PDB file of N, CA and C in Angstrom:
ATOM      1  N   UNK A   1      36.382  25.267   1.629  1.00  0.00           N
ATOM      2  CA  UNK A   1      36.150  24.236   0.571  1.00  0.00           C
ATOM      3  C   UNK A   1      37.468  25.171  -0.655  1.00  0.00           C
ATOM      4  N   UNK A   2      38.054  24.017  -1.115  1.00  0.00           N
ATOM      5  CA  UNK A   2      38.612  24.601  -2.845  1.00  0.00           C
ATOM      6  C   UNK A   2      38.446  22.998  -3.250  1.00  0.00           C
ATOM      7  N   UNK A   3      37.988  23.241  -5.301  1.00  0.00           N
ATOM      8  CA  UNK A   3      38.257  21.993  -5.858  1.00  0.00           C
ATOM      9  C   UNK A   3      39.016  22.067  -6.990  1.00  0.00           C
ATOM     10  N   UNK A   4      39.965  21.243  -6.838  1.00  0.00           N
ATOM     11  CA  UNK A   4      41.336  21.290  -7.377  1.00  0.00           C
ATOM     12  C   UNK A   4      40.721  20.043  -8.735  1.00  0.00           C
ATOM     13  N   UNK A   5      41.324  20.599 -10.219  1.00  0.00           N
ATOM     14  CA  UNK A   5      40.164  19.926 -10.594  1.00  0.00           C
ATOM     15  C   UNK A   5      40.787  19.337 -11.848  1.00  0.00           C
ATOM     16  N   UNK A   6      42.329  18.024 -10.978  1.00  0.00           N
ATOM     17  CA  UNK A   6      42.713  17.413 -12.336  1.00  0.00           C
ATOM     18  C   UNK A   6      41.830  16.615 -12.962  1.00  0.00           C
ATOM     19  N   UNK A   7      41.596  16.354 -15.038  1.00  0.00           N
ATOM     20  CA  UNK A   7      41.273  15.843 -15.735  1.00  0.00           C
ATOM     21  C   UNK A   7      39.755  14.761 -15.551  1.00  0.00           C
ATOM     22  N   UNK A   8      40.844  13.859 -14.620  1.00  0.00           N
ATOM     23  CA  UNK A   8      40.232  12.726 -14.227  1.00  0.00           C
ATOM     24  C   UNK A   8      39.565  11.708 -12.577  1.00  0.00           C
ATOM     25  N   UNK A   9      40.180  13.109 -12.012  1.00  0.00           N
ATOM     26  CA  UNK A   9      40.070  12.325 -10.565  1.00  0.00           C
ATOM     27  C   UNK A   9      40.363  14.140  -9.482  1.00  0.00           C
ATOM     28  N   UNK A  10      38.784  14.759 -10.104  1.00  0.00           N
ATOM     29  CA  UNK A  10      39.325  16.189  -8.731  1.00  0.00           C
ATOM     30  C   UNK A  10      39.383  15.442  -8.130  1.00  0.00           C
ATOM     31  N   UNK A  11      40.700  16.521  -6.530  1.00  0.00           N
ATOM     32  CA  UNK A  11      40.485  16.489  -5.333  1.00  0.00           C
ATOM     33  C   UNK A  11      39.422  17.967  -4.780  1.00  0.00           C
ATOM     34  N   UNK A  12      38.817  17.162  -3.732  1.00  0.00           N
ATOM     35  CA  UNK A  12      37.926  18.454  -3.201  1.00  0.00           C
ATOM     36  C   UNK A  12      38.960  18.357  -0.963  1.00  0.00           C
ATOM     37  N   UNK A  13      39.054  19.740  -1.230  1.00  0.00           N
ATOM     38  CA  UNK A  13      39.658  19.780   0.001  1.00  0.00           C
ATOM     39  C   UNK A  13      38.877  20.304   0.667  1.00  0.00           C
ATOM     40  N   UNK A  14      38.164  19.244   2.046  1.00  0.00           N
ATOM     41  CA  UNK A  14      37.760  20.710   3.358  1.00  0.00           C
ATOM     42  C   UNK A  14      38.213  20.725   4.208  1.00  0.00           C
ATOM     43  N   UNK A  15      38.426  22.202   4.310  1.00  0.00           N
ATOM     44  CA  UNK A  15      39.137  22.220   5.849  1.00  0.00           C
ATOM     45  C   UNK A  15      38.340  23.206   6.997  1.00  0.00           C
ATOM     46  N   UNK A  16      38.561  23.175   7.971  1.00  0.00           N
ATOM     47  CA  UNK A  16      38.106  23.455   8.825  1.00  0.00           C
ATOM     48  C   UNK A  16      36.465  22.008   9.665  1.00  0.00           C
ATOM     49  N   UNK A  17      35.756  22.789  10.259  1.00  0.00           N
ATOM     50  CA  UNK A  17      35.009  22.032  10.911  1.00  0.00           C
ATOM     51  C   UNK A  17      34.024  20.837   9.647  1.00  0.00           C
ATOM     52  N   UNK A  18      34.334  19.576  10.196  1.00  0.00           N
ATOM     53  CA  UNK A  18      32.835  18.860   9.487  1.00  0.00           C
ATOM     54  C   UNK A  18      32.070  18.142  10.321  1.00  0.00           C
ATOM     55  N   UNK A  19      30.232  18.838   9.732  1.00  0.00           N
ATOM     56  CA  UNK A  19      29.173  19.582  11.105  1.00  0.00           C
ATOM     57  C   UNK A  19      28.265  19.754  10.149  1.00  0.00           C
ATOM     58  N   UNK A  20      27.148  19.558  10.826  1.00  0.00           N
ATOM     59  CA  UNK A  20      26.150  20.352  10.660  1.00  0.00           C
ATOM     60  C   UNK A  20      26.092  21.394   9.263  1.00  0.00           C
ATOM     61  N   UNK A  21      26.400  22.663   9.567  1.00  0.00           N
ATOM     62  CA  UNK A  21      27.017  23.890   8.927  1.00  0.00           C
ATOM     63  C   UNK A  21      27.813  23.219   7.940  1.00  0.00           C
ATOM     64  N   UNK A  22      28.060  22.561   7.117  1.00  0.00           N
ATOM     65  CA  UNK A  22      29.100  21.802   5.610  1.00  0.00           C
ATOM     66  C   UNK A  22      28.272  21.046   5.206  1.00  0.00           C
ATOM     67  N   UNK A  23      27.565  20.312   5.393  1.00  0.00           N
ATOM     68  CA  UNK A  23      27.200  19.205   5.008  1.00  0.00           C
ATOM     69  C   UNK A  23      26.419  20.175   3.605  1.00  0.00           C
ATOM     70  N   UNK A  24      25.890  21.038   3.525  1.00  0.00           N
ATOM     71  CA  UNK A  24      25.250  21.675   2.079  1.00  0.00           C
ATOM     72  C   UNK A  24      26.532  21.886   1.477  1.00  0.00           C
ATOM     73  N   UNK A  25      27.004  22.718   1.860  1.00  0.00           N
ATOM     74  CA  UNK A  25      28.332  22.082   1.003  1.00  0.00           C
ATOM     75  C   UNK A  25      29.102  21.764  -0.176  1.00  0.00           C
ATOM     76  N   UNK A  26      29.694  20.442   1.276  1.00  0.00           N
ATOM     77  CA  UNK A  26      30.209  19.286   1.063  1.00  0.00           C
ATOM     78  C   UNK A  26      29.327  18.474  -0.306  1.00  0.00           C
ATOM     79  N   UNK A  27      28.120  18.467  -0.505  1.00  0.00           N
ATOM     80  CA  UNK A  27      27.323  17.968  -1.409  1.00  0.00           C
ATOM     81  C   UNK A  27      27.073  18.760  -2.157  1.00  0.00           C
ATOM     82  N   UNK A  28      27.161  19.929  -2.317  1.00  0.00           N
ATOM     83  CA  UNK A  28      27.210  20.782  -3.928  1.00  0.00           C
ATOM     84  C   UNK A  28      27.659  20.179  -4.366  1.00  0.00           C
ATOM     85  N   UNK A  29      29.052  20.403  -3.681  1.00  0.00           N
ATOM     86  CA  UNK A  29      30.903  20.710  -4.483  1.00  0.00           C
ATOM     87  C   UNK A  29      30.620  18.857  -5.012  1.00  0.00           C
ATOM     88  N   UNK A  30      30.459  17.635  -3.951  1.00  0.00           N
ATOM     89  CA  UNK A  30      30.437  16.888  -4.349  1.00  0.00           C
ATOM     90  C   UNK A  30      29.742  16.678  -6.049  1.00  0.00           C
ATOM     91  N   UNK A  31      28.839  16.499  -5.248  1.00  0.00           N
ATOM     92  CA  UNK A  31      27.344  17.090  -7.323  1.00  0.00           C
ATOM     93  C   UNK A  31      27.390  17.950  -7.779  1.00  0.00           C
ATOM     94  N   UNK A  32      28.455  18.820  -7.733  1.00  0.00           N
ATOM     95  CA  UNK A  32      29.367  18.971  -8.937  1.00  0.00           C
ATOM     96  C   UNK A  32      30.081  18.638  -9.871  1.00  0.00           C
ATOM     97  N   UNK A  33      31.385  18.395  -9.392  1.00  0.00           N
ATOM     98  CA  UNK A  33      32.294  17.547  -9.916  1.00  0.00           C
ATOM     99  C   UNK A  33      32.174  16.127 -10.005  1.00  0.00           C
ATOM    100  N   UNK A  34      30.896  15.211 -10.225  1.00  0.00           N
ATOM    101  CA  UNK A  34      29.725  14.268 -10.036  1.00  0.00           C
ATOM    102  C   UNK A  34      29.745  15.431 -11.978  1.00  0.00           C
ATOM    103  N   UNK A  35      29.479  15.599 -11.319  1.00  0.00           N
ATOM    104  CA  UNK A  35      28.274  16.472 -12.912  1.00  0.00           C
ATOM    105  C   UNK A  35      28.931  16.705 -14.413  1.00  0.00           C
ATOM    106  N   UNK A  36      30.055  16.423 -13.575  1.00  0.00           N
ATOM    107  CA  UNK A  36      31.737  16.340 -14.494  1.00  0.00           C
ATOM    108  C   UNK A  36      31.815  15.260 -15.099  1.00  0.00           C
ATOM    109  N   UNK A  37      30.779  14.603 -14.825  1.00  0.00           N
ATOM    110  CA  UNK A  37      31.547  12.579 -15.462  1.00  0.00           C
ATOM    111  C   UNK A  37      32.930  12.505 -14.692  1.00  0.00           C
ATOM    112  N   UNK A  38      33.845  12.908 -14.189  1.00  0.00           N
ATOM    113  CA  UNK A  38      34.457  12.434 -13.819  1.00  0.00           C
ATOM    114  C   UNK A  38      35.009  10.304 -13.405  1.00  0.00           C
ATOM    115  N   UNK A  39      36.270   9.712 -13.970  1.00  0.00           N
ATOM    116  CA  UNK A  39      36.475   8.594 -13.502  1.00  0.00           C
ATOM    117  C   UNK A  39      36.262   8.839 -11.734  1.00  0.00           C
ATOM    118  N   UNK A  40      36.875   8.926 -11.550  1.00  0.00           N
ATOM    119  CA  UNK A  40      37.141   8.972  -9.355  1.00  0.00           C
ATOM    120  C   UNK A  40      37.442   9.903  -8.753  1.00  0.00           C
ATOM    121  N   UNK A  41      36.702  11.139  -7.433  1.00  0.00           N
ATOM    122  CA  UNK A  41      36.830  12.058  -6.993  1.00  0.00           C
ATOM    123  C   UNK A  41      37.761  11.522  -5.173  1.00  0.00           C
ATOM    124  N   UNK A  42      38.139  12.186  -4.647  1.00  0.00           N
ATOM    125  CA  UNK A  42      38.891  11.941  -3.783  1.00  0.00           C
ATOM    126  C   UNK A  42      38.592  13.559  -3.299  1.00  0.00           C
ATOM    127  N   UNK A  43      38.448  12.945  -2.261  1.00  0.00           N
ATOM    128  CA  UNK A  43      37.893  13.922  -0.925  1.00  0.00           C
ATOM    129  C   UNK A  43      38.900  14.060   0.376  1.00  0.00           C
ATOM    130  N   UNK A  44      39.293  14.596   0.867  1.00  0.00           N
ATOM    131  CA  UNK A  44      40.070  15.686   1.386  1.00  0.00           C
ATOM    132  C   UNK A  44      40.611  16.080   2.467  1.00  0.00           C
ATOM    133  N   UNK A  45      40.520  15.426   3.837  1.00  0.00           N
ATOM    134  CA  UNK A  45      39.735  15.676   4.398  1.00  0.00           C
ATOM    135  C   UNK A  45      40.719  15.360   6.411  1.00  0.00           C
ATOM    136  N   UNK A  46      41.967  15.946   4.710  1.00  0.00           N
ATOM    137  CA  UNK A  46      43.187  16.451   5.797  1.00  0.00           C
ATOM    138  C   UNK A  46      43.753  17.492   7.242  1.00  0.00           C
ATOM    139  N   UNK A  47      43.044  18.373   6.052  1.00  0.00           N
ATOM    140  CA  UNK A  47      42.989  19.361   7.991  1.00  0.00           C
ATOM    141  C   UNK A  47      41.329  19.648   8.142  1.00  0.00           C
ATOM    142  N   UNK A  48      40.857  17.765   8.521  1.00  0.00           N
ATOM    143  CA  UNK A  48      38.982  18.390   8.867  1.00  0.00           C
ATOM    144  C   UNK A  48      38.455  18.003  10.210  1.00  0.00           C
ATOM    145  N   UNK A  49      38.061  18.972  11.601  1.00  0.00           N
ATOM    146  CA  UNK A  49      37.737  18.482  12.826  1.00  0.00           C
ATOM    147  C   UNK A  49      36.194  17.228  12.300  1.00  0.00           C
ATOM    148  N   UNK A  50      35.794  16.719  13.084  1.00  0.00           N
ATOM    149  CA  UNK A  50      34.619  15.949  12.788  1.00  0.00           C
ATOM    150  C   UNK A  50      33.746  16.858  14.500  1.00  0.00           C
ATOM    151  N   UNK A  51      33.146  18.302  13.565  1.00  0.00           N
ATOM    152  CA  UNK A  51      32.576  18.327  15.165  1.00  0.00           C
ATOM    153  C   UNK A  51      31.156  18.006  15.050  1.00  0.00           C
ATOM    154  N   UNK A  52      30.409  16.718  15.341  1.00  0.00           N
ATOM    155  CA  UNK A  52      29.373  16.404  14.745  1.00  0.00           C
ATOM    156  C   UNK A  52      29.751  15.253  14.235  1.00  0.00           C
ATOM    157  N   UNK A  53      27.912  14.394  14.177  1.00  0.00           N
ATOM    158  CA  UNK A  53      27.912  13.148  13.416  1.00  0.00           C
ATOM    159  C   UNK A  53      27.185  13.501  11.957  1.00  0.00           C
ATOM    160  N   UNK A  54      26.729  14.341  11.773  1.00  0.00           N
ATOM    161  CA  UNK A  54      25.575  14.279  10.585  1.00  0.00           C
ATOM    162  C   UNK A  54      26.508  15.121   9.374  1.00  0.00           C
ATOM    163  N   UNK A  55      27.706  16.073  10.279  1.00  0.00           N
ATOM    164  CA  UNK A  55      29.239  16.001   8.628  1.00  0.00           C
ATOM    165  C   UNK A  55      29.521  14.520   8.822  1.00  0.00           C
ATOM    166  N   UNK A  56      30.527  13.237   9.730  1.00  0.00           N
ATOM    167  CA  UNK A  56      30.308  11.934   9.453  1.00  0.00           C
ATOM    168  C   UNK A  56      30.050  11.791   8.481  1.00  0.00           C
ATOM    169  N   UNK A  57      27.936  11.317   8.938  1.00  0.00           N
ATOM    170  CA  UNK A  57      27.492  10.760   8.216  1.00  0.00           C
ATOM    171  C   UNK A  57      27.259  11.185   6.410  1.00  0.00           C
ATOM    172  N   UNK A  58      27.395  12.808   6.118  1.00  0.00           N
ATOM    173  CA  UNK A  58      27.602  12.826   4.898  1.00  0.00           C
ATOM    174  C   UNK A  58      28.481  12.377   4.277  1.00  0.00           C
ATOM    175  N   UNK A  59      29.531  11.082   4.046  1.00  0.00           N
ATOM    176  CA  UNK A  59      30.365  11.469   3.806  1.00  0.00           C
ATOM    177  C   UNK A  59      30.162   9.377   2.929  1.00  0.00           C
ATOM    178  N   UNK A  60      29.545   9.395   4.002  1.00  0.00           N
ATOM    179  CA  UNK A  60      29.092   7.414   2.859  1.00  0.00           C
ATOM    180  C   UNK A  60      27.908   7.994   2.232  1.00  0.00           C
ATOM    181  N   UNK A  61      27.724   9.039   2.330  1.00  0.00           N
ATOM    182  CA  UNK A  61      26.396   9.235   1.684  1.00  0.00           C
ATOM    183  C   UNK A  61      27.138  10.112   0.438  1.00  0.00           C
ATOM    184  N   UNK A  62      27.942  10.911   0.265  1.00  0.00           N
ATOM    185  CA  UNK A  62      27.697  10.933  -1.465  1.00  0.00           C
ATOM    186  C   UNK A  62      28.770  10.254  -1.823  1.00  0.00           C
ATOM    187  N   UNK A  63      29.689   9.706  -1.068  1.00  0.00           N
ATOM    188  CA  UNK A  63      30.481   8.829  -1.735  1.00  0.00           C
ATOM    189  C   UNK A  63      29.432   7.081  -2.318  1.00  0.00           C
ATOM    190  N   UNK A  64      27.583   7.708  -1.965  1.00  0.00           N
ATOM    191  CA  UNK A  64      27.491   6.522  -1.917  1.00  0.00           C
ATOM    192  C   UNK A  64      26.182   6.924  -4.061  1.00  0.00           C
ATOM    193  N   UNK A  65      26.575   8.767  -3.744  1.00  0.00           N
ATOM    194  CA  UNK A  65      25.773   9.048  -5.282  1.00  0.00           C
ATOM    195  C   UNK A  65      27.350   8.993  -5.803  1.00  0.00           C
ATOM    196  N   UNK A  66      28.410   9.014  -5.808  1.00  0.00           N
ATOM    197  CA  UNK A  66      29.928   8.467  -5.935  1.00  0.00           C
ATOM    198  C   UNK A  66      29.283   7.256  -7.237  1.00  0.00           C
ATOM    199  N   UNK A  67      29.207   6.007  -6.321  1.00  0.00           N
ATOM    200  CA  UNK A  67      28.817   4.972  -6.876  1.00  0.00           C
ATOM    201  C   UNK A  67      27.628   4.444  -7.226  1.00  0.00           C
ATOM    202  N   UNK A  68      26.530   5.127  -7.477  1.00  0.00           N
ATOM    203  CA  UNK A  68      25.364   5.557  -8.039  1.00  0.00           C
ATOM    204  C   UNK A  68      25.986   5.375  -9.447  1.00  0.00           C
ATOM    205  N   UNK A  69      26.817   6.302  -9.656  1.00  0.00           N
ATOM    206  CA  UNK A  69      27.673   7.460 -11.126  1.00  0.00           C
ATOM    207  C   UNK A  69      28.194   5.559 -11.717  1.00  0.00           C
ATOM    208  N   UNK A  70      29.342   5.624 -11.415  1.00  0.00           N
ATOM    209  CA  UNK A  70      29.958   4.065 -11.301  1.00  0.00           C
ATOM    210  C   UNK A  70      31.518   4.979 -10.866  1.00  0.00           C
ATOM    211  N   UNK A  71      31.310   6.331 -10.492  1.00  0.00           N
ATOM    212  CA  UNK A  71      32.736   7.366 -10.294  1.00  0.00           C
ATOM    213  C   UNK A  71      32.849   6.898  -8.027  1.00  0.00           C
ATOM    214  N   UNK A  72      34.562   6.008  -8.390  1.00  0.00           N
ATOM    215  CA  UNK A  72      35.432   5.912  -7.577  1.00  0.00           C
ATOM    216  C   UNK A  72      35.363   7.021  -6.491  1.00  0.00           C
ATOM    217  N   UNK A  73      35.350   6.459  -5.133  1.00  0.00           N
ATOM    218  CA  UNK A  73      35.231   7.835  -4.177  1.00  0.00           C
ATOM    219  C   UNK A  73      36.369   6.898  -3.333  1.00  0.00           C
ATOM    220  N   UNK A  74      37.391   8.114  -2.445  1.00  0.00           N
ATOM    221  CA  UNK A  74      38.774   7.654  -1.459  1.00  0.00           C
ATOM    222  C   UNK A  74      38.117   9.000  -1.223  1.00  0.00           C
ATOM    223  N   UNK A  75      38.401   9.092   0.214  1.00  0.00           N
ATOM    224  CA  UNK A  75      38.897   9.311   1.236  1.00  0.00           C
ATOM    225  C   UNK A  75      39.639  10.271   1.958  1.00  0.00           C
ATOM    226  N   UNK A  76      40.830  10.894   2.128  1.00  0.00           N
ATOM    227  CA  UNK A  76      41.805  10.563   3.095  1.00  0.00           C
ATOM    228  C   UNK A  76      41.039  11.348   4.065  1.00  0.00           C
ATOM    229  N   UNK A  77      41.861  10.418   4.809  1.00  0.00           N
ATOM    230  CA  UNK A  77      41.438  10.857   6.077  1.00  0.00           C
ATOM    231  C   UNK A  77      42.720  10.443   7.351  1.00  0.00           C
ATOM    232  N   UNK A  78      43.524  10.686   7.404  1.00  0.00           N
ATOM    233  CA  UNK A  78      45.154  10.709   8.063  1.00  0.00           C
ATOM    234  C   UNK A  78      44.444  10.602   9.905  1.00  0.00           C
ATOM    235  N   UNK A  79      43.766  11.212  10.511  1.00  0.00           N
ATOM    236  CA  UNK A  79      43.209  11.438  11.262  1.00  0.00           C
ATOM    237  C   UNK A  79      41.936   9.901  12.144  1.00  0.00           C
ATOM    238  N   UNK A  80      43.263   8.799  13.207  1.00  0.00           N
ATOM    239  CA  UNK A  80      42.816   7.317  12.587  1.00  0.00           C
ATOM    240  C   UNK A  80      41.106   7.298  13.440  1.00  0.00           C
ATOM    241  N   UNK A  81      41.566   8.715  14.680  1.00  0.00           N
ATOM    242  CA  UNK A  81      39.965   8.109  15.027  1.00  0.00           C
ATOM    243  C   UNK A  81      38.874   8.975  14.131  1.00  0.00           C
ATOM    244  N   UNK A  82      39.035   9.144  13.041  1.00  0.00           N
ATOM    245  CA  UNK A  82      38.357  10.101  11.846  1.00  0.00           C
ATOM    246  C   UNK A  82      38.248   8.714  10.842  1.00  0.00           C
ATOM    247  N   UNK A  83      39.056   7.689  11.412  1.00  0.00           N
ATOM    248  CA  UNK A  83      38.153   6.951   9.842  1.00  0.00           C
ATOM    249  C   UNK A  83      38.108   5.910  10.504  1.00  0.00           C
ATOM    250  N   UNK A  84      38.133   5.650  11.495  1.00  0.00           N
ATOM    251  CA  UNK A  84      36.958   4.537  13.034  1.00  0.00           C
ATOM    252  C   UNK A  84      36.104   5.837  12.545  1.00  0.00           C
ATOM    253  N   UNK A  85      35.619   6.393  13.070  1.00  0.00           N
ATOM    254  CA  UNK A  85      33.641   6.748  12.894  1.00  0.00           C
ATOM    255  C   UNK A  85      33.274   6.738  11.605  1.00  0.00           C
ATOM    256  N   UNK A  86      34.359   7.216  10.373  1.00  0.00           N
ATOM    257  CA  UNK A  86      33.921   7.260   8.489  1.00  0.00           C
ATOM    258  C   UNK A  86      32.962   5.532   9.233  1.00  0.00           C
ATOM    259  N   UNK A  87      33.822   4.842   9.493  1.00  0.00           N
ATOM    260  CA  UNK A  87      33.793   2.827   9.457  1.00  0.00           C
ATOM    261  C   UNK A  87      32.580   2.783   9.878  1.00  0.00           C
ATOM    262  N   UNK A  88      32.434   3.699  11.459  1.00  0.00           N
ATOM    263  CA  UNK A  88      31.377   2.907  11.992  1.00  0.00           C
ATOM    264  C   UNK A  88      30.501   3.401  11.450  1.00  0.00           C
ATOM    265  N   UNK A  89      29.892   3.866  10.515  1.00  0.00           N
ATOM    266  CA  UNK A  89      28.900   5.028  10.330  1.00  0.00           C
ATOM    267  C   UNK A  89      28.561   4.580   8.660  1.00  0.00           C
ATOM    268  N   UNK A  90      29.481   3.697   7.872  1.00  0.00           N
ATOM    269  CA  UNK A  90      29.350   2.922   6.864  1.00  0.00           C
ATOM    270  C   UNK A  90      29.326   3.747   5.854  1.00  0.00           C
ATOM    271  N   UNK A  91      30.995   3.735   5.947  1.00  0.00           N
ATOM    272  CA  UNK A  91      31.202   3.864   5.094  1.00  0.00           C
ATOM    273  C   UNK A  91      32.491   1.999   4.523  1.00  0.00           C
ATOM    274  N   UNK A  92      31.926   1.626   4.849  1.00  0.00           N
ATOM    275  CA  UNK A  92      33.083   0.557   4.733  1.00  0.00           C
ATOM    276  C   UNK A  92      32.999   0.390   3.904  1.00  0.00           C
ATOM    277  N   UNK A  93      32.307   0.085   2.473  1.00  0.00           N
ATOM    278  CA  UNK A  93      33.109   0.242   1.665  1.00  0.00           C
ATOM    279  C   UNK A  93      33.212   1.365   0.550  1.00  0.00           C
ATOM    280  N   UNK A  94      33.817   3.067   1.163  1.00  0.00           N
ATOM    281  CA  UNK A  94      34.653   3.888   0.870  1.00  0.00           C
ATOM    282  C   UNK A  94      35.775   3.591   0.846  1.00  0.00           C
ATOM    283  N   UNK A  95      37.086   3.612  -0.076  1.00  0.00           N
ATOM    284  CA  UNK A  95      37.931   3.199   0.220  1.00  0.00           C
ATOM    285  C   UNK A  95      38.828   5.047   0.690  1.00  0.00           C
ATOM    286  N   UNK A  96      39.289   4.443   1.816  1.00  0.00           N
ATOM    287  CA  UNK A  96      39.138   5.621   2.632  1.00  0.00           C
ATOM    288  C   UNK A  96      41.523   5.367   3.526  1.00  0.00           C
ATOM    289  N   UNK A  97      41.333   6.514   3.274  1.00  0.00           N
ATOM    290  CA  UNK A  97      43.221   6.093   2.777  1.00  0.00           C
ATOM    291  C   UNK A  97      43.764   7.389   4.178  1.00  0.00           C
ATOM    292  N   UNK A  98      44.577   6.939   4.576  1.00  0.00           N
ATOM    293  CA  UNK A  98      45.628   8.045   5.501  1.00  0.00           C
ATOM    294  C   UNK A  98      46.210   9.160   5.010  1.00  0.00           C
ATOM    295  N   UNK A  99      46.839   8.912   3.610  1.00  0.00           N
ATOM    296  CA  UNK A  99      47.417   9.464   2.769  1.00  0.00           C
ATOM    297  C   UNK A  99      46.794  10.113   1.161  1.00  0.00           C
ATOM    298  N   UNK A 100      46.656  11.256   0.547  1.00  0.00           N
ATOM    299  CA  UNK A 100      47.063  11.773  -1.165  1.00  0.00           C
ATOM    300  C   UNK A 100      47.623  11.070  -1.598  1.00  0.00           C
TER     301      UNK A 100
END
């Protein structure tokens, strides 16, 4: 995982698996970025394979944390199946796009 520190809109790029093993790391990355007070956050899942439902569930959870702080949250998920899974688990209120 990498974080591109753009002043107003940091981009968190996750690579590899999105599953139970990466939930804590993703949460910590989002919390760290939110602590800097950005206007918005982008979570780039371009190079991600969703391994299990726990990994998918964390996305709307961290988006909710951002919304609670008044921070916009966008998910980049080019994989149509992943976008559909995200919407099914409650990410309907999250902006999901297929390109950065």
